[in-house]
Amino acid sequence: MSVIIILLAASILVASLFLIAFLWSVKSGQFEDDFSPSSRILFEDKPVTTTKKV
């Protein structure tokens, strides 16, 4: 029975750590750019031009 209490406490601790990390990432602006990821795939990359020095 004591193992269940230990596992319950550990799971609550891990869940709270994930919640704190999520709230920190929202507050620091990690999810602000919601336009460019969806449209970035539509544009081709610029071709790389290489020049050989002779």
N, C-alpha and C. Protein backbone atom coordinates (compact mmCIF):
# COMPACT_ATOMS: atom_id res chain seq x y z
N MET A 1 0.81 -1.20 0.00
CA MET A 1 0.00 0.00 0.00
C MET A 1 0.85 1.26 0.00
N SER A 2 2.02 1.18 0.65
CA SER A 2 2.88 2.36 0.70
C SER A 2 3.51 2.65 -0.66
N VAL A 3 3.64 1.63 -1.51
CA VAL A 3 4.18 1.84 -2.85
C VAL A 3 3.24 2.69 -3.68
N ILE A 4 1.96 2.51 -3.52
CA ILE A 4 0.97 3.31 -4.25
C ILE A 4 1.07 4.77 -3.85
N ILE A 5 1.28 5.04 -2.58
CA ILE A 5 1.41 6.42 -2.11
C ILE A 5 2.67 7.05 -2.68
N ILE A 6 3.76 6.30 -2.71
CA ILE A 6 5.01 6.81 -3.27
C ILE A 6 4.86 7.09 -4.77
N LEU A 7 4.23 6.18 -5.50
CA LEU A 7 4.03 6.38 -6.93
C LEU A 7 3.07 7.53 -7.21
N LEU A 8 2.07 7.70 -6.39
CA LEU A 8 1.15 8.81 -6.53
C LEU A 8 1.86 10.15 -6.30
N ALA A 9 2.69 10.22 -5.28
CA ALA A 9 3.44 11.44 -5.01
C ALA A 9 4.43 11.73 -6.14
N ALA A 10 5.08 10.70 -6.65
CA ALA A 10 6.03 10.89 -7.75
C ALA A 10 5.32 11.35 -9.02
N SER A 11 4.16 10.80 -9.30
CA SER A 11 3.43 11.20 -10.51
C SER A 11 2.91 12.63 -10.39
N ILE A 12 2.49 13.03 -9.22
CA ILE A 12 2.05 14.42 -9.02
C ILE A 12 3.24 15.37 -9.17
N LEU A 13 4.40 14.98 -8.68
CA LEU A 13 5.60 15.80 -8.81
C LEU A 13 6.00 15.96 -10.28
N VAL A 14 5.98 14.87 -11.03
CA VAL A 14 6.35 14.93 -12.45
C VAL A 14 5.32 15.76 -13.23
N ALA A 15 4.06 15.58 -12.94
CA ALA A 15 3.01 16.35 -13.62
C ALA A 15 3.14 17.84 -13.32
N SER A 16 3.46 18.18 -12.10
CA SER A 16 3.62 19.59 -11.76
C SER A 16 4.85 20.18 -12.43
N LEU A 17 5.91 19.40 -12.58
CA LEU A 17 7.10 19.89 -13.29
C LEU A 17 6.78 20.16 -14.76
N PHE A 18 6.02 19.28 -15.39
CA PHE A 18 5.62 19.50 -16.78
C PHE A 18 4.70 20.72 -16.91
N LEU A 19 3.83 20.92 -15.95
CA LEU A 19 2.95 22.08 -15.97
C LEU A 19 3.76 23.37 -15.82
N ILE A 20 4.72 23.38 -14.92
CA ILE A 20 5.58 24.56 -14.74
C ILE A 20 6.38 24.83 -16.00
N ALA A 21 6.92 23.79 -16.64
CA ALA A 21 7.68 23.98 -17.88
C ALA A 21 6.80 24.51 -18.99
N PHE A 22 5.57 24.02 -19.08
CA PHE A 22 4.65 24.51 -20.10
C PHE A 22 4.29 25.97 -19.87
N LEU A 23 3.96 26.32 -18.64
CA LEU A 23 3.61 27.71 -18.34
C LEU A 23 4.79 28.64 -18.57
N TRP A 24 6.00 28.18 -18.26
CA TRP A 24 7.19 28.99 -18.51
C TRP A 24 7.39 29.21 -20.01
N SER A 25 7.18 28.19 -20.81
CA SER A 25 7.38 28.34 -22.25
C SER A 25 6.32 29.25 -22.87
N VAL A 26 5.10 29.21 -22.37
CA VAL A 26 4.07 30.12 -22.86
C VAL A 26 4.39 31.55 -22.47
N LYS A 27 4.85 31.73 -21.25
CA LYS A 27 5.16 33.08 -20.77
C LYS A 27 6.37 33.68 -21.49
N SER A 28 7.33 32.85 -21.86
CA SER A 28 8.53 33.36 -22.52
C SER A 28 8.35 33.54 -24.02
N GLY A 29 7.18 33.19 -24.57
CA GLY A 29 6.88 33.46 -25.97
C GLY A 29 7.28 32.38 -26.94
N GLN A 30 7.35 31.15 -26.51
CA GLN A 30 7.73 30.05 -27.39
C GLN A 30 6.66 29.76 -28.44
N PHE A 31 5.41 30.11 -28.18
CA PHE A 31 4.32 29.78 -29.07
C PHE A 31 3.74 31.00 -29.76
N GLU A 32 4.51 32.08 -29.87
CA GLU A 32 4.01 33.32 -30.45
C GLU A 32 3.92 33.27 -31.97
N ASP A 33 4.85 32.61 -32.64
CA ASP A 33 4.90 32.60 -34.09
C ASP A 33 4.02 31.47 -34.63
N ASP A 34 2.77 31.78 -34.91
CA ASP A 34 1.87 30.74 -35.39
C ASP A 34 1.61 30.83 -36.89
N PHE A 35 2.22 31.78 -37.58
CA PHE A 35 2.00 31.90 -39.03
C PHE A 35 3.11 31.23 -39.83
N SER A 36 4.34 31.49 -39.50
CA SER A 36 5.42 31.03 -40.37
C SER A 36 5.62 29.51 -40.42
N PRO A 37 5.42 28.75 -39.35
CA PRO A 37 5.61 27.30 -39.51
C PRO A 37 4.66 26.67 -40.52
N SER A 38 3.44 27.17 -40.58
CA SER A 38 2.49 26.57 -41.52
C SER A 38 2.74 27.01 -42.95
N SER A 39 3.31 28.19 -43.16
CA SER A 39 3.54 28.65 -44.53
C SER A 39 4.98 28.42 -44.99
N ARG A 40 5.86 28.08 -44.09
CA ARG A 40 7.26 27.87 -44.45
C ARG A 40 7.42 26.71 -45.42
N ILE A 41 6.59 25.70 -45.31
CA ILE A 41 6.72 24.53 -46.17
C ILE A 41 6.30 24.83 -47.60
N LEU A 42 5.54 25.91 -47.81
CA LEU A 42 5.06 26.23 -49.14
C LEU A 42 6.12 26.91 -50.01
N PHE A 43 7.12 27.48 -49.39
CA PHE A 43 8.14 28.21 -50.14
C PHE A 43 9.39 27.36 -50.29
N GLU A 44 9.98 27.44 -51.48
CA GLU A 44 11.20 26.69 -51.71
C GLU A 44 12.38 27.45 -51.14
N ASP A 45 13.40 26.72 -50.80
CA ASP A 45 14.62 27.35 -50.34
C ASP A 45 15.31 28.03 -51.50
N LYS A 46 16.08 29.04 -51.20
CA LYS A 46 16.83 29.72 -52.24
C LYS A 46 17.92 28.79 -52.74
N PRO A 47 18.10 28.72 -54.05
CA PRO A 47 19.15 27.82 -54.57
C PRO A 47 20.53 28.34 -54.17
N VAL A 48 21.37 27.41 -53.85
CA VAL A 48 22.73 27.74 -53.46
C VAL A 48 23.59 27.87 -54.71
N THR A 49 24.22 29.00 -54.87
CA THR A 49 25.10 29.19 -56.02
C THR A 49 26.53 29.09 -55.54
N THR A 50 27.24 28.24 -56.20
CA THR A 50 28.65 28.08 -55.85
C THR A 50 29.50 28.57 -57.02
N THR A 51 30.50 29.30 -56.70
CA THR A 51 31.42 29.76 -57.73
C THR A 51 32.77 29.14 -57.47
N LYS A 52 33.37 28.67 -58.55
CA LYS A 52 34.69 28.05 -58.42
C LYS A 52 35.75 29.08 -58.72
N LYS A 53 36.71 29.16 -57.84
CA LYS A 53 37.82 30.04 -58.08
C LYS A 53 38.89 29.28 -58.85
N VAL A 54 39.31 29.86 -59.98
CA VAL A 54 40.29 29.19 -60.82
C VAL A 54 41.64 29.81 -60.66
